[in-house]
């Protein structure tokens, strides 16, 4: 039986429950460097956490219970992963969607992450973390492409025509390669902002989750 004191304790509001995982406030989110950036890479480049991020981004806000049912993960595991993502600015609470204090709603929070593993000393733990994050990022993209190749044939013709795969091998200077990387990144960021703004103006328009993935790097002939 609950004591009178315990029975009268009010439930904590969602904003209070999420305080322990509130985003780190030292420095700008998206501009982390050094060990802070390593913490971000470790948080995000975990297959389950990245999956949860993408579910929220594509399917919209959800409760911990909804995500647990969607992924077949334990509720406690989902809460733990969301707490880690919240701490590093990838998701945020959506308390206005809760019907009562028991519900814990979350939404995606778009943010950028960029890094270079060679910024860390060769042979160091930091270098290994950054390199592992890059490898996991590549594996994630490969899984996405494999899924498209397996399911794309059943997509509507207009969807298949809108998709593209491009591969170019061109002799270029390092400066030209850097310029292509800069221009491509700016184009994708600008396009993403336009899509986000249009969604606000035309919320009823039919939309697809579109993934943009490209790599610009030196490459000799690839042996079959």
N, C-alpha and C. Protein backbone atom coordinates (compact mmCIF):
# COMPACT_ATOMS: atom_id res chain seq x y z
N UNK A 1 0.86 -1.19 0.00
CA UNK A 1 0.00 0.00 0.00
C UNK A 1 0.89 1.24 0.00
N UNK A 2 0.52 2.23 -0.79
CA UNK A 2 1.29 3.47 -0.84
C UNK A 2 1.06 4.26 0.43
N UNK A 3 2.10 4.90 0.92
CA UNK A 3 1.93 5.79 2.07
C UNK A 3 1.20 7.03 1.60
N UNK A 4 0.65 7.78 2.55
CA UNK A 4 -0.07 9.00 2.21
C UNK A 4 0.86 9.98 1.51
N UNK A 5 2.11 10.01 1.98
CA UNK A 5 3.08 10.95 1.40
C UNK A 5 3.36 10.58 -0.05
N UNK A 6 3.55 9.29 -0.33
CA UNK A 6 3.84 8.85 -1.68
C UNK A 6 2.63 9.03 -2.58
N UNK A 7 1.46 8.71 -2.07
CA UNK A 7 0.26 8.81 -2.88
C UNK A 7 -0.02 10.22 -3.32
N UNK A 8 0.43 11.20 -2.57
CA UNK A 8 0.14 12.59 -2.89
C UNK A 8 1.22 13.23 -3.76
N UNK A 9 2.28 12.49 -4.04
CA UNK A 9 3.35 13.05 -4.86
C UNK A 9 2.86 13.25 -6.29
N UNK A 10 2.97 14.46 -6.83
CA UNK A 10 2.50 14.70 -8.20
C UNK A 10 3.44 14.07 -9.22
N UNK A 11 2.86 13.69 -10.35
CA UNK A 11 3.70 13.19 -11.43
C UNK A 11 4.55 14.34 -11.96
N UNK A 12 5.75 14.02 -12.34
CA UNK A 12 6.61 15.05 -12.91
C UNK A 12 6.14 15.38 -14.32
N UNK A 13 6.19 16.65 -14.65
CA UNK A 13 5.87 17.05 -16.00
C UNK A 13 6.94 16.53 -16.96
N UNK A 14 6.57 16.45 -18.26
CA UNK A 14 7.52 15.94 -19.24
C UNK A 14 8.80 16.77 -19.24
N UNK A 15 8.64 18.11 -19.13
CA UNK A 15 9.82 18.97 -19.16
C UNK A 15 10.76 18.68 -18.00
N UNK A 16 10.20 18.26 -16.86
CA UNK A 16 11.03 17.91 -15.71
C UNK A 16 11.69 16.56 -15.90
N UNK A 17 10.95 15.59 -16.50
CA UNK A 17 11.51 14.27 -16.72
C UNK A 17 12.69 14.31 -17.68
N UNK A 18 12.69 15.27 -18.61
CA UNK A 18 13.73 15.32 -19.64
C UNK A 18 14.93 16.19 -19.24
N UNK A 19 14.86 16.81 -18.08
CA UNK A 19 15.96 17.67 -17.65
C UNK A 19 17.31 16.95 -17.60
N UNK A 20 17.37 15.69 -17.11
CA UNK A 20 18.67 15.01 -17.04
C UNK A 20 19.34 14.82 -18.39
N UNK A 21 18.53 14.82 -19.48
CA UNK A 21 19.13 14.61 -20.80
C UNK A 21 19.07 15.87 -21.66
N UNK A 22 18.84 17.01 -21.03
CA UNK A 22 18.78 18.26 -21.80
C UNK A 22 20.08 18.44 -22.58
N UNK A 23 19.98 19.01 -23.79
CA UNK A 23 21.18 19.17 -24.62
C UNK A 23 22.31 19.91 -23.93
N UNK A 24 23.52 19.48 -24.24
CA UNK A 24 24.71 20.15 -23.73
C UNK A 24 24.69 21.58 -24.26
N UNK A 25 24.91 22.56 -23.40
CA UNK A 25 24.78 23.96 -23.81
C UNK A 25 26.12 24.65 -24.03
N UNK A 26 27.22 23.95 -23.82
CA UNK A 26 28.53 24.58 -24.04
C UNK A 26 28.82 24.56 -25.53
N UNK A 27 28.76 25.74 -26.16
CA UNK A 27 29.01 25.83 -27.59
C UNK A 27 27.73 25.64 -28.39
N UNK A 28 27.80 25.91 -29.65
CA UNK A 28 26.65 25.83 -30.54
C UNK A 28 26.41 24.40 -31.00
N UNK A 29 25.15 23.98 -30.98
CA UNK A 29 24.80 22.66 -31.48
C UNK A 29 25.09 22.63 -32.98
N UNK A 30 25.88 21.67 -33.39
CA UNK A 30 26.27 21.59 -34.78
C UNK A 30 27.67 22.12 -35.02
N UNK A 31 28.24 22.77 -34.03
CA UNK A 31 29.58 23.32 -34.18
C UNK A 31 30.57 22.71 -33.21
N UNK A 32 30.31 21.49 -32.76
CA UNK A 32 31.17 20.84 -31.77
C UNK A 32 32.53 20.49 -32.37
N UNK A 33 33.53 20.51 -31.52
CA UNK A 33 34.88 20.11 -31.91
C UNK A 33 35.47 19.26 -30.79
N UNK A 34 36.64 18.67 -31.05
CA UNK A 34 37.36 17.93 -30.02
C UNK A 34 36.55 16.80 -29.41
N UNK A 35 36.65 16.67 -28.10
CA UNK A 35 35.96 15.58 -27.40
C UNK A 35 34.44 15.71 -27.49
N UNK A 36 33.96 16.96 -27.54
CA UNK A 36 32.51 17.16 -27.65
C UNK A 36 31.99 16.56 -28.96
N UNK A 37 32.75 16.71 -30.03
CA UNK A 37 32.36 16.14 -31.31
C UNK A 37 32.40 14.63 -31.26
N UNK A 38 33.39 14.07 -30.58
CA UNK A 38 33.45 12.61 -30.44
C UNK A 38 32.23 12.07 -29.72
N UNK A 39 31.76 12.79 -28.70
CA UNK A 39 30.55 12.37 -27.99
C UNK A 39 29.35 12.37 -28.92
N UNK A 40 29.27 13.38 -29.80
CA UNK A 40 28.17 13.46 -30.76
C UNK A 40 28.23 12.30 -31.73
N UNK A 41 29.42 11.99 -32.23
CA UNK A 41 29.58 10.89 -33.19
C UNK A 41 29.19 9.56 -32.55
N UNK A 42 29.60 9.36 -31.30
CA UNK A 42 29.27 8.13 -30.60
C UNK A 42 27.77 8.01 -30.39
N UNK A 43 27.13 9.12 -30.09
CA UNK A 43 25.69 9.11 -29.84
C UNK A 43 24.90 8.80 -31.11
N UNK A 44 25.30 9.40 -32.22
CA UNK A 44 24.50 9.30 -33.44
C UNK A 44 24.79 8.05 -34.26
N UNK A 45 26.06 7.67 -34.36
CA UNK A 45 26.42 6.55 -35.23
C UNK A 45 26.31 5.21 -34.51
N UNK A 46 25.13 5.01 -34.01
CA UNK A 46 24.73 3.75 -33.39
C UNK A 46 23.51 3.31 -34.19
N UNK A 47 23.52 2.14 -34.81
CA UNK A 47 22.44 1.76 -35.72
C UNK A 47 21.03 1.95 -35.16
N UNK A 48 20.82 1.57 -33.91
CA UNK A 48 19.48 1.72 -33.34
C UNK A 48 19.11 3.17 -33.14
N UNK A 49 20.05 3.98 -32.65
CA UNK A 49 19.73 5.39 -32.43
C UNK A 49 19.49 6.11 -33.75
N UNK A 50 20.26 5.78 -34.76
CA UNK A 50 20.04 6.42 -36.05
C UNK A 50 18.69 5.99 -36.63
N UNK A 51 18.32 4.75 -36.41
CA UNK A 51 17.01 4.26 -36.85
C UNK A 51 15.90 5.06 -36.17
N UNK A 52 16.00 5.25 -34.87
CA UNK A 52 14.99 6.02 -34.14
C UNK A 52 14.91 7.45 -34.66
N UNK A 53 16.07 8.05 -34.94
CA UNK A 53 16.09 9.41 -35.49
C UNK A 53 15.32 9.46 -36.80
N UNK A 54 15.57 8.49 -37.67
CA UNK A 54 14.95 8.52 -38.98
C UNK A 54 13.45 8.20 -38.90
N UNK A 55 13.07 7.34 -37.97
CA UNK A 55 11.64 7.07 -37.79
C UNK A 55 10.91 8.35 -37.39
N UNK A 56 11.48 9.11 -36.48
CA UNK A 56 10.85 10.36 -36.05
C UNK A 56 10.84 11.38 -37.17
N UNK A 57 11.91 11.41 -37.97
CA UNK A 57 12.00 12.38 -39.06
C UNK A 57 11.02 12.05 -40.18
N UNK A 58 10.84 10.76 -40.46
CA UNK A 58 10.00 10.35 -41.59
C UNK A 58 8.54 10.18 -41.18
N UNK A 59 8.30 9.55 -40.05
CA UNK A 59 6.93 9.21 -39.65
C UNK A 59 6.32 10.22 -38.69
N UNK A 60 7.10 11.17 -38.22
CA UNK A 60 6.58 12.21 -37.36
C UNK A 60 6.75 11.90 -35.88
N UNK A 61 6.33 12.83 -35.01
CA UNK A 61 6.48 12.65 -33.56
C UNK A 61 5.83 11.37 -33.08
N UNK A 62 6.39 10.81 -32.01
CA UNK A 62 5.86 9.56 -31.46
C UNK A 62 6.19 9.48 -29.98
N UNK A 63 5.45 8.64 -29.29
CA UNK A 63 5.74 8.40 -27.88
C UNK A 63 6.76 7.27 -27.78
N UNK A 64 7.31 7.13 -26.58
CA UNK A 64 8.25 6.03 -26.34
C UNK A 64 7.57 4.69 -26.61
N UNK A 65 6.32 4.56 -26.16
CA UNK A 65 5.59 3.32 -26.37
C UNK A 65 5.35 3.02 -27.84
N UNK A 66 5.01 4.05 -28.60
CA UNK A 66 4.78 3.87 -30.04
C UNK A 66 6.06 3.40 -30.73
N UNK A 67 7.19 4.02 -30.36
CA UNK A 67 8.46 3.63 -30.97
C UNK A 67 8.86 2.22 -30.55
N UNK A 68 8.55 1.86 -29.32
CA UNK A 68 8.87 0.51 -28.85
C UNK A 68 8.08 -0.53 -29.66
N UNK A 69 6.81 -0.25 -29.91
CA UNK A 69 5.99 -1.18 -30.71
C UNK A 69 6.46 -1.20 -32.16
N UNK A 70 6.86 -0.05 -32.66
CA UNK A 70 7.30 0.04 -34.06
C UNK A 70 8.61 -0.72 -34.29
N UNK A 71 9.47 -0.74 -33.29
CA UNK A 71 10.81 -1.33 -33.45
C UNK A 71 10.99 -2.67 -32.77
N UNK A 72 10.00 -3.07 -31.96
CA UNK A 72 10.11 -4.30 -31.16
C UNK A 72 11.23 -4.19 -30.12
N UNK A 73 11.57 -2.99 -29.73
CA UNK A 73 12.55 -2.77 -28.67
C UNK A 73 11.81 -2.59 -27.34
N UNK A 74 12.52 -2.84 -26.26
CA UNK A 74 11.93 -2.62 -24.94
C UNK A 74 11.75 -1.13 -24.70
N UNK A 75 10.71 -0.77 -23.96
CA UNK A 75 10.44 0.64 -23.67
C UNK A 75 11.64 1.30 -23.00
N UNK A 76 12.25 0.58 -22.06
CA UNK A 76 13.41 1.14 -21.37
C UNK A 76 14.57 1.40 -22.32
N UNK A 77 14.76 0.52 -23.30
CA UNK A 77 15.82 0.71 -24.28
C UNK A 77 15.55 1.93 -25.15
N UNK A 78 14.31 2.09 -25.59
CA UNK A 78 13.96 3.25 -26.40
C UNK A 78 14.18 4.54 -25.61
N UNK A 79 13.76 4.56 -24.36
CA UNK A 79 13.94 5.75 -23.52
C UNK A 79 15.42 6.08 -23.37
N UNK A 80 16.24 5.07 -23.17
CA UNK A 80 17.68 5.29 -23.02
C UNK A 80 18.27 5.90 -24.29
N UNK A 81 17.93 5.33 -25.45
CA UNK A 81 18.47 5.84 -26.71
C UNK A 81 17.98 7.26 -26.99
N UNK A 82 16.71 7.52 -26.72
CA UNK A 82 16.19 8.87 -26.94
C UNK A 82 16.85 9.88 -26.01
N UNK A 83 17.14 9.46 -24.78
CA UNK A 83 17.84 10.35 -23.86
C UNK A 83 19.21 10.74 -24.39
N UNK A 84 19.92 9.77 -24.95
CA UNK A 84 21.24 10.04 -25.52
C UNK A 84 21.12 10.97 -26.72
N UNK A 85 20.16 10.73 -27.58
CA UNK A 85 19.96 11.59 -28.75
C UNK A 85 19.54 12.99 -28.34
N UNK A 86 18.73 13.09 -27.30
CA UNK A 86 18.29 14.39 -26.80
C UNK A 86 19.48 15.19 -26.26
N UNK A 87 20.35 14.52 -25.54
CA UNK A 87 21.50 15.19 -24.95
C UNK A 87 22.38 15.86 -26.01
N UNK A 88 22.38 15.27 -27.20
CA UNK A 88 23.24 15.80 -28.25
C UNK A 88 22.47 16.48 -29.38
N UNK A 89 21.21 16.82 -29.11
CA UNK A 89 20.48 17.69 -30.01
C UNK A 89 19.87 17.06 -31.24
N UNK A 90 19.69 15.74 -31.28
CA UNK A 90 19.12 15.09 -32.46
C UNK A 90 17.60 14.94 -32.36
N UNK A 91 17.08 14.89 -31.15
CA UNK A 91 15.63 14.82 -30.94
C UNK A 91 15.29 15.78 -29.81
N UNK A 92 14.00 16.08 -29.68
CA UNK A 92 13.56 16.95 -28.59
C UNK A 92 12.17 16.54 -28.13
N UNK A 93 11.85 16.80 -26.87
CA UNK A 93 10.51 16.45 -26.37
C UNK A 93 9.44 17.27 -27.09
N UNK A 94 8.24 16.69 -27.20
CA UNK A 94 7.10 17.39 -27.78
C UNK A 94 5.95 17.30 -26.78
N UNK A 95 6.09 17.95 -25.61
CA UNK A 95 5.10 17.81 -24.53
C UNK A 95 3.72 18.31 -24.89
N UNK A 96 3.62 19.21 -25.89
CA UNK A 96 2.31 19.75 -26.25
C UNK A 96 1.41 18.68 -26.89
N UNK A 97 2.00 17.56 -27.30
CA UNK A 97 1.22 16.49 -27.91
C UNK A 97 0.67 15.50 -26.88
N UNK A 98 1.16 15.58 -25.66
CA UNK A 98 0.76 14.63 -24.63
C UNK A 98 -0.67 14.89 -24.15
N UNK A 99 -1.41 13.82 -23.99
CA UNK A 99 -2.78 13.94 -23.47
C UNK A 99 -2.80 13.96 -21.96
N UNK A 100 -1.76 13.43 -21.34
CA UNK A 100 -1.62 13.50 -19.89
C UNK A 100 -0.13 13.40 -19.56
N UNK A 101 0.19 13.51 -18.27
CA UNK A 101 1.60 13.56 -17.86
C UNK A 101 2.32 12.24 -18.02
N UNK A 102 1.57 11.17 -18.27
CA UNK A 102 2.22 9.86 -18.43
C UNK A 102 2.84 9.70 -19.81
N UNK A 103 2.35 10.44 -20.80
CA UNK A 103 2.86 10.31 -22.15
C UNK A 103 4.15 11.11 -22.35
N UNK A 104 5.08 10.51 -23.05
CA UNK A 104 6.35 11.16 -23.34
C UNK A 104 6.53 11.18 -24.85
N UNK A 105 6.23 12.32 -25.48
CA UNK A 105 6.31 12.46 -26.92
C UNK A 105 7.65 13.05 -27.33
N UNK A 106 8.13 12.59 -28.51
CA UNK A 106 9.40 13.08 -29.03
C UNK A 106 9.25 13.43 -30.51
N UNK A 107 10.07 14.39 -30.95
CA UNK A 107 10.11 14.73 -32.37
C UNK A 107 11.57 14.84 -32.82
N UNK A 108 11.76 14.74 -34.12
CA UNK A 108 13.10 14.89 -34.69
C UNK A 108 13.53 16.35 -34.62
N UNK A 109 14.82 16.56 -34.45
CA UNK A 109 15.37 17.91 -34.47
C UNK A 109 16.52 17.92 -35.49
N UNK A 110 16.28 18.48 -36.69
CA UNK A 110 17.33 18.47 -37.72
C UNK A 110 18.59 19.20 -37.26
N UNK A 111 19.72 18.61 -37.52
CA UNK A 111 20.99 19.24 -37.21
C UNK A 111 22.07 18.62 -38.08
N UNK A 112 23.17 19.31 -38.24
CA UNK A 112 24.26 18.84 -39.08
C UNK A 112 25.41 18.33 -38.23
N UNK A 113 26.12 17.35 -38.78
CA UNK A 113 27.32 16.84 -38.13
C UNK A 113 28.38 16.67 -39.22
N UNK A 114 29.53 17.26 -39.03
CA UNK A 114 30.63 17.07 -39.98
C UNK A 114 31.91 16.86 -39.19
N UNK A 115 32.78 16.00 -39.73
CA UNK A 115 34.01 15.70 -39.03
C UNK A 115 35.05 15.15 -39.98
N UNK A 116 36.26 15.13 -39.55
CA UNK A 116 37.37 14.57 -40.31
C UNK A 116 38.22 13.77 -39.35
N UNK A 117 38.31 12.47 -39.59
CA UNK A 117 39.01 11.60 -38.64
C UNK A 117 40.48 11.98 -38.48
N UNK A 118 41.09 12.55 -39.54
CA UNK A 118 42.51 12.92 -39.45
C UNK A 118 42.75 14.17 -38.60
N UNK A 119 41.67 14.77 -38.09
CA UNK A 119 41.84 15.87 -37.14
C UNK A 119 42.36 15.36 -35.81
N UNK A 120 42.28 14.05 -35.61
CA UNK A 120 42.73 13.44 -34.37
C UNK A 120 44.01 12.65 -34.62
N UNK A 121 44.85 12.59 -33.63
CA UNK A 121 46.16 11.97 -33.77
C UNK A 121 46.10 10.51 -34.20
N UNK A 122 47.02 10.12 -35.05
CA UNK A 122 47.08 8.76 -35.54
C UNK A 122 47.34 7.80 -34.37
N UNK A 123 46.54 6.72 -34.32
CA UNK A 123 46.71 5.72 -33.27
C UNK A 123 46.02 6.04 -31.97
N UNK A 124 45.34 7.18 -31.88
CA UNK A 124 44.66 7.56 -30.64
C UNK A 124 43.25 6.98 -30.60
N UNK A 125 42.69 6.92 -29.41
CA UNK A 125 41.30 6.45 -29.26
C UNK A 125 40.36 7.39 -30.01
N UNK A 126 40.65 8.68 -29.95
CA UNK A 126 39.80 9.66 -30.62
C UNK A 126 39.77 9.41 -32.12
N UNK A 127 40.93 9.13 -32.70
CA UNK A 127 41.00 8.85 -34.14
C UNK A 127 40.19 7.60 -34.47
N UNK A 128 40.26 6.60 -33.62
CA UNK A 128 39.52 5.37 -33.86
C UNK A 128 38.01 5.61 -33.78
N UNK A 129 37.57 6.45 -32.85
CA UNK A 129 36.14 6.76 -32.74
C UNK A 129 35.66 7.47 -33.99
N UNK A 130 36.42 8.47 -34.45
CA UNK A 130 36.03 9.22 -35.63
C UNK A 130 36.01 8.34 -36.87
N UNK A 131 37.01 7.45 -37.01
CA UNK A 131 37.07 6.56 -38.16
C UNK A 131 35.94 5.54 -38.12
N UNK A 132 35.62 5.04 -36.93
CA UNK A 132 34.52 4.08 -36.79
C UNK A 132 33.19 4.73 -37.16
N UNK A 133 33.02 5.98 -36.78
CA UNK A 133 31.79 6.70 -37.11
C UNK A 133 31.66 6.85 -38.63
N UNK A 134 32.77 7.13 -39.30
CA UNK A 134 32.72 7.26 -40.75
C UNK A 134 32.38 5.92 -41.40
N UNK A 135 32.95 4.85 -40.90
CA UNK A 135 32.67 3.52 -41.44
C UNK A 135 31.21 3.15 -41.22
N UNK A 136 30.68 3.44 -40.03
CA UNK A 136 29.29 3.12 -39.73
C UNK A 136 28.35 3.97 -40.58
N UNK A 137 28.74 5.21 -40.83
CA UNK A 137 27.96 6.08 -41.69
C UNK A 137 27.87 5.49 -43.10
N UNK A 138 28.99 4.99 -43.60
CA UNK A 138 29.02 4.36 -44.92
C UNK A 138 28.14 3.10 -44.95
N UNK A 139 28.24 2.28 -43.91
CA UNK A 139 27.42 1.07 -43.86
C UNK A 139 25.94 1.41 -43.85
N UNK A 140 25.59 2.50 -43.16
CA UNK A 140 24.20 2.94 -43.13
C UNK A 140 23.73 3.30 -44.53
N UNK A 141 24.56 4.03 -45.26
CA UNK A 141 24.19 4.39 -46.63
C UNK A 141 24.06 3.16 -47.51
N UNK A 142 24.95 2.21 -47.34
CA UNK A 142 24.89 0.97 -48.14
C UNK A 142 23.58 0.24 -47.88
N UNK A 143 23.18 0.15 -46.60
CA UNK A 143 21.92 -0.52 -46.28
C UNK A 143 20.74 0.18 -46.94
N UNK A 144 20.79 1.52 -46.96
CA UNK A 144 19.71 2.28 -47.58
C UNK A 144 19.65 2.01 -49.08
N UNK A 145 20.81 1.98 -49.74
CA UNK A 145 20.85 1.72 -51.19
C UNK A 145 20.38 0.30 -51.48
N UNK A 146 20.81 -0.65 -50.67
CA UNK A 146 20.38 -2.04 -50.87
C UNK A 146 18.86 -2.17 -50.76
N UNK A 147 18.28 -1.44 -49.82
CA UNK A 147 16.82 -1.50 -49.67
C UNK A 147 16.14 -0.91 -50.90
N UNK A 148 16.69 0.20 -51.43
CA UNK A 148 16.09 0.81 -52.61
C UNK A 148 16.20 -0.13 -53.82
N UNK A 149 17.35 -0.78 -53.97
CA UNK A 149 17.53 -1.71 -55.09
C UNK A 149 16.56 -2.89 -54.99
N UNK A 150 16.27 -3.30 -53.75
CA UNK A 150 15.37 -4.43 -53.55
C UNK A 150 13.90 -4.05 -53.72
N UNK A 151 13.56 -2.82 -53.38
CA UNK A 151 12.15 -2.42 -53.38
C UNK A 151 11.80 -1.42 -54.48
N UNK A 152 12.81 -0.82 -55.10
CA UNK A 152 12.56 0.25 -56.05
C UNK A 152 11.78 -0.14 -57.27
N UNK A 153 11.89 -1.40 -57.72
CA UNK A 153 11.18 -1.82 -58.92
C UNK A 153 9.67 -1.74 -58.76
N UNK A 154 9.20 -1.80 -57.53
CA UNK A 154 7.76 -1.72 -57.29
C UNK A 154 7.29 -0.28 -57.09
N UNK A 155 8.22 0.68 -57.13
CA UNK A 155 7.84 2.08 -56.95
C UNK A 155 7.16 2.60 -58.21
N UNK A 156 6.38 3.66 -58.05
CA UNK A 156 5.68 4.26 -59.19
C UNK A 156 6.70 4.76 -60.22
N UNK A 157 6.35 4.70 -61.51
CA UNK A 157 7.29 5.12 -62.56
C UNK A 157 7.83 6.53 -62.35
N UNK A 158 6.97 7.47 -61.91
CA UNK A 158 7.43 8.84 -61.71
C UNK A 158 8.45 8.93 -60.58
N UNK A 159 8.32 8.03 -59.60
CA UNK A 159 9.29 8.02 -58.50
C UNK A 159 10.63 7.49 -59.00
N UNK A 160 10.60 6.44 -59.80
CA UNK A 160 11.84 5.89 -60.34
C UNK A 160 12.54 6.89 -61.25
N UNK A 161 11.76 7.64 -62.04
CA UNK A 161 12.37 8.64 -62.93
C UNK A 161 12.97 9.79 -62.14
N UNK A 162 12.39 10.09 -60.99
CA UNK A 162 12.90 11.21 -60.17
C UNK A 162 14.18 10.84 -59.45
N UNK A 163 14.39 9.55 -59.21
CA UNK A 163 15.61 9.11 -58.53
C UNK A 163 16.77 9.12 -59.52
N UNK A 164 17.98 9.21 -59.00
CA UNK A 164 19.14 9.26 -59.89
C UNK A 164 20.35 8.62 -59.21
N UNK A 165 21.18 8.02 -60.02
CA UNK A 165 22.48 7.54 -59.55
C UNK A 165 23.50 8.05 -60.54
N UNK A 166 24.52 8.73 -60.07
CA UNK A 166 25.52 9.30 -60.98
C UNK A 166 26.91 8.90 -60.52
N UNK A 167 27.76 8.65 -61.48
CA UNK A 167 29.12 8.24 -61.18
C UNK A 167 30.05 8.88 -62.22
N UNK A 168 30.94 9.72 -61.78
CA UNK A 168 31.85 10.42 -62.69
C UNK A 168 33.28 10.24 -62.21
N UNK A 169 34.17 9.97 -63.15
CA UNK A 169 35.59 9.87 -62.84
C UNK A 169 36.31 10.91 -63.70
N UNK A 170 36.82 11.96 -63.04
CA UNK A 170 37.37 13.10 -63.76
C UNK A 170 38.70 13.53 -63.15
N UNK A 171 39.69 13.84 -63.98
CA UNK A 171 40.96 14.37 -63.49
C UNK A 171 40.73 15.80 -63.00
N UNK A 172 41.08 16.08 -61.76
CA UNK A 172 40.84 17.40 -61.18
C UNK A 172 41.91 17.71 -60.15
N UNK A 173 42.11 18.99 -59.89
CA UNK A 173 43.06 19.40 -58.85
C UNK A 173 42.39 19.24 -57.49
N UNK A 174 43.18 19.28 -56.44
CA UNK A 174 42.63 19.21 -55.09
C UNK A 174 41.68 20.37 -54.86
N UNK A 175 42.04 21.56 -55.37
CA UNK A 175 41.20 22.75 -55.20
C UNK A 175 39.85 22.55 -55.90
N UNK A 176 39.86 21.94 -57.07
CA UNK A 176 38.62 21.69 -57.79
C UNK A 176 37.76 20.66 -57.07
N UNK A 177 38.40 19.65 -56.49
CA UNK A 177 37.66 18.66 -55.73
C UNK A 177 37.01 19.31 -54.51
N UNK A 178 37.76 20.18 -53.82
CA UNK A 178 37.22 20.87 -52.65
C UNK A 178 36.07 21.77 -53.05
N UNK A 179 36.17 22.42 -54.21
CA UNK A 179 35.10 23.30 -54.68
C UNK A 179 33.83 22.51 -54.98
N UNK A 180 33.98 21.33 -55.59
CA UNK A 180 32.81 20.48 -55.85
C UNK A 180 32.15 20.07 -54.54
N UNK A 181 32.95 19.68 -53.57
CA UNK A 181 32.41 19.29 -52.27
C UNK A 181 31.63 20.43 -51.63
N UNK A 182 32.21 21.64 -51.70
CA UNK A 182 31.54 22.81 -51.11
C UNK A 182 30.23 23.11 -51.82
N UNK A 183 30.26 23.12 -53.15
CA UNK A 183 29.06 23.45 -53.91
C UNK A 183 27.97 22.41 -53.71
N UNK A 184 28.36 21.15 -53.66
CA UNK A 184 27.36 20.09 -53.47
C UNK A 184 26.72 20.21 -52.09
N UNK A 185 27.54 20.43 -51.07
CA UNK A 185 27.01 20.56 -49.71
C UNK A 185 26.05 21.74 -49.61
N UNK A 186 26.43 22.88 -50.18
CA UNK A 186 25.56 24.06 -50.15
C UNK A 186 24.24 23.79 -50.88
N UNK A 187 24.32 23.07 -51.99
CA UNK A 187 23.11 22.76 -52.75
C UNK A 187 22.16 21.90 -51.94
N UNK A 188 22.69 20.87 -51.29
CA UNK A 188 21.85 19.97 -50.50
C UNK A 188 21.23 20.70 -49.32
N UNK A 189 22.01 21.55 -48.65
CA UNK A 189 21.48 22.32 -47.51
C UNK A 189 20.38 23.26 -47.97
N UNK A 190 20.62 23.96 -49.08
CA UNK A 190 19.61 24.88 -49.61
C UNK A 190 18.34 24.14 -50.01
N UNK A 191 18.51 23.01 -50.69
CA UNK A 191 17.35 22.20 -51.10
C UNK A 191 16.57 21.71 -49.89
N UNK A 192 17.27 21.26 -48.86
CA UNK A 192 16.60 20.77 -47.65
C UNK A 192 15.79 21.87 -46.99
N UNK A 193 16.35 23.08 -46.93
CA UNK A 193 15.63 24.21 -46.32
C UNK A 193 14.39 24.57 -47.14
N UNK A 194 14.50 24.48 -48.47
CA UNK A 194 13.35 24.76 -49.32
C UNK A 194 12.24 23.73 -49.09
N UNK A 195 12.62 22.47 -48.97
CA UNK A 195 11.63 21.42 -48.72
C UNK A 195 10.94 21.64 -47.37
N UNK A 196 11.73 22.00 -46.36
CA UNK A 196 11.18 22.22 -45.03
C UNK A 196 10.20 23.40 -45.03
N UNK A 197 10.58 24.47 -45.75
CA UNK A 197 9.71 25.64 -45.82
C UNK A 197 8.43 25.33 -46.59
N UNK A 198 8.54 24.57 -47.66
CA UNK A 198 7.37 24.23 -48.47
C UNK A 198 6.40 23.35 -47.68
N UNK A 199 6.95 22.48 -46.82
CA UNK A 199 6.09 21.63 -46.00
C UNK A 199 5.24 22.46 -45.06
N UNK A 200 5.80 23.59 -44.61
CA UNK A 200 5.03 24.47 -43.75
C UNK A 200 3.93 25.20 -44.49
N UNK A 201 4.20 25.53 -45.75
CA UNK A 201 3.21 26.26 -46.56
C UNK A 201 2.16 25.33 -47.14
N UNK A 202 2.57 24.12 -47.52
CA UNK A 202 1.66 23.15 -48.12
C UNK A 202 1.71 21.84 -47.32
N UNK A 203 1.16 21.83 -46.13
CA UNK A 203 1.26 20.64 -45.27
C UNK A 203 0.53 19.42 -45.83
N UNK A 204 -0.41 19.62 -46.74
CA UNK A 204 -1.18 18.50 -47.26
C UNK A 204 -0.58 17.84 -48.48
N UNK A 205 0.53 18.39 -48.98
CA UNK A 205 1.14 17.82 -50.19
C UNK A 205 1.72 16.44 -49.90
N UNK A 206 1.58 15.54 -50.87
CA UNK A 206 2.14 14.20 -50.70
C UNK A 206 3.66 14.26 -50.78
N UNK A 207 4.34 13.64 -49.83
CA UNK A 207 5.80 13.71 -49.79
C UNK A 207 6.40 12.32 -49.55
N UNK A 208 7.58 12.14 -50.06
CA UNK A 208 8.34 10.90 -49.88
C UNK A 208 9.57 11.20 -49.04
N UNK A 209 10.00 10.25 -48.22
CA UNK A 209 11.29 10.44 -47.53
C UNK A 209 12.41 10.26 -48.55
N UNK A 210 13.12 11.32 -48.88
CA UNK A 210 14.16 11.29 -49.91
C UNK A 210 15.53 11.38 -49.25
N UNK A 211 16.37 10.42 -49.57
CA UNK A 211 17.73 10.39 -49.02
C UNK A 211 18.72 10.86 -50.09
N UNK A 212 19.59 11.78 -49.70
CA UNK A 212 20.65 12.25 -50.60
C UNK A 212 21.98 11.80 -50.01
N UNK A 213 22.72 11.03 -50.78
CA UNK A 213 23.99 10.52 -50.29
C UNK A 213 25.00 10.57 -51.43
N UNK A 214 26.14 11.19 -51.19
CA UNK A 214 27.18 11.27 -52.22
C UNK A 214 28.54 11.37 -51.54
N UNK A 215 29.57 10.94 -52.23
CA UNK A 215 30.93 11.05 -51.73
C UNK A 215 31.80 11.62 -52.83
N UNK A 216 32.64 12.55 -52.46
CA UNK A 216 33.59 13.13 -53.41
C UNK A 216 34.97 12.75 -52.90
N UNK A 217 35.71 11.95 -53.65
CA UNK A 217 37.01 11.47 -53.16
C UNK A 217 37.87 11.00 -54.34
N UNK A 218 39.18 11.00 -54.17
CA UNK A 218 40.07 10.48 -55.22
C UNK A 218 39.85 8.99 -55.37
N UNK A 219 39.89 8.51 -56.62
CA UNK A 219 39.67 7.08 -56.86
C UNK A 219 40.32 6.66 -58.16
N UNK A 220 41.16 5.66 -58.08
CA UNK A 220 41.70 5.07 -59.29
C UNK A 220 40.73 4.08 -59.88
N UNK A 221 41.09 3.42 -60.97
CA UNK A 221 40.20 2.40 -61.56
C UNK A 221 39.86 1.32 -60.53
N UNK A 222 38.60 0.94 -60.49
CA UNK A 222 38.13 -0.05 -59.53
C UNK A 222 38.16 -1.43 -60.17
N UNK A 223 38.91 -2.33 -59.58
CA UNK A 223 39.03 -3.70 -60.11
C UNK A 223 37.78 -4.50 -59.78
N UNK A 224 37.21 -5.20 -60.75
CA UNK A 224 35.98 -5.99 -60.48
C UNK A 224 36.24 -7.07 -59.43
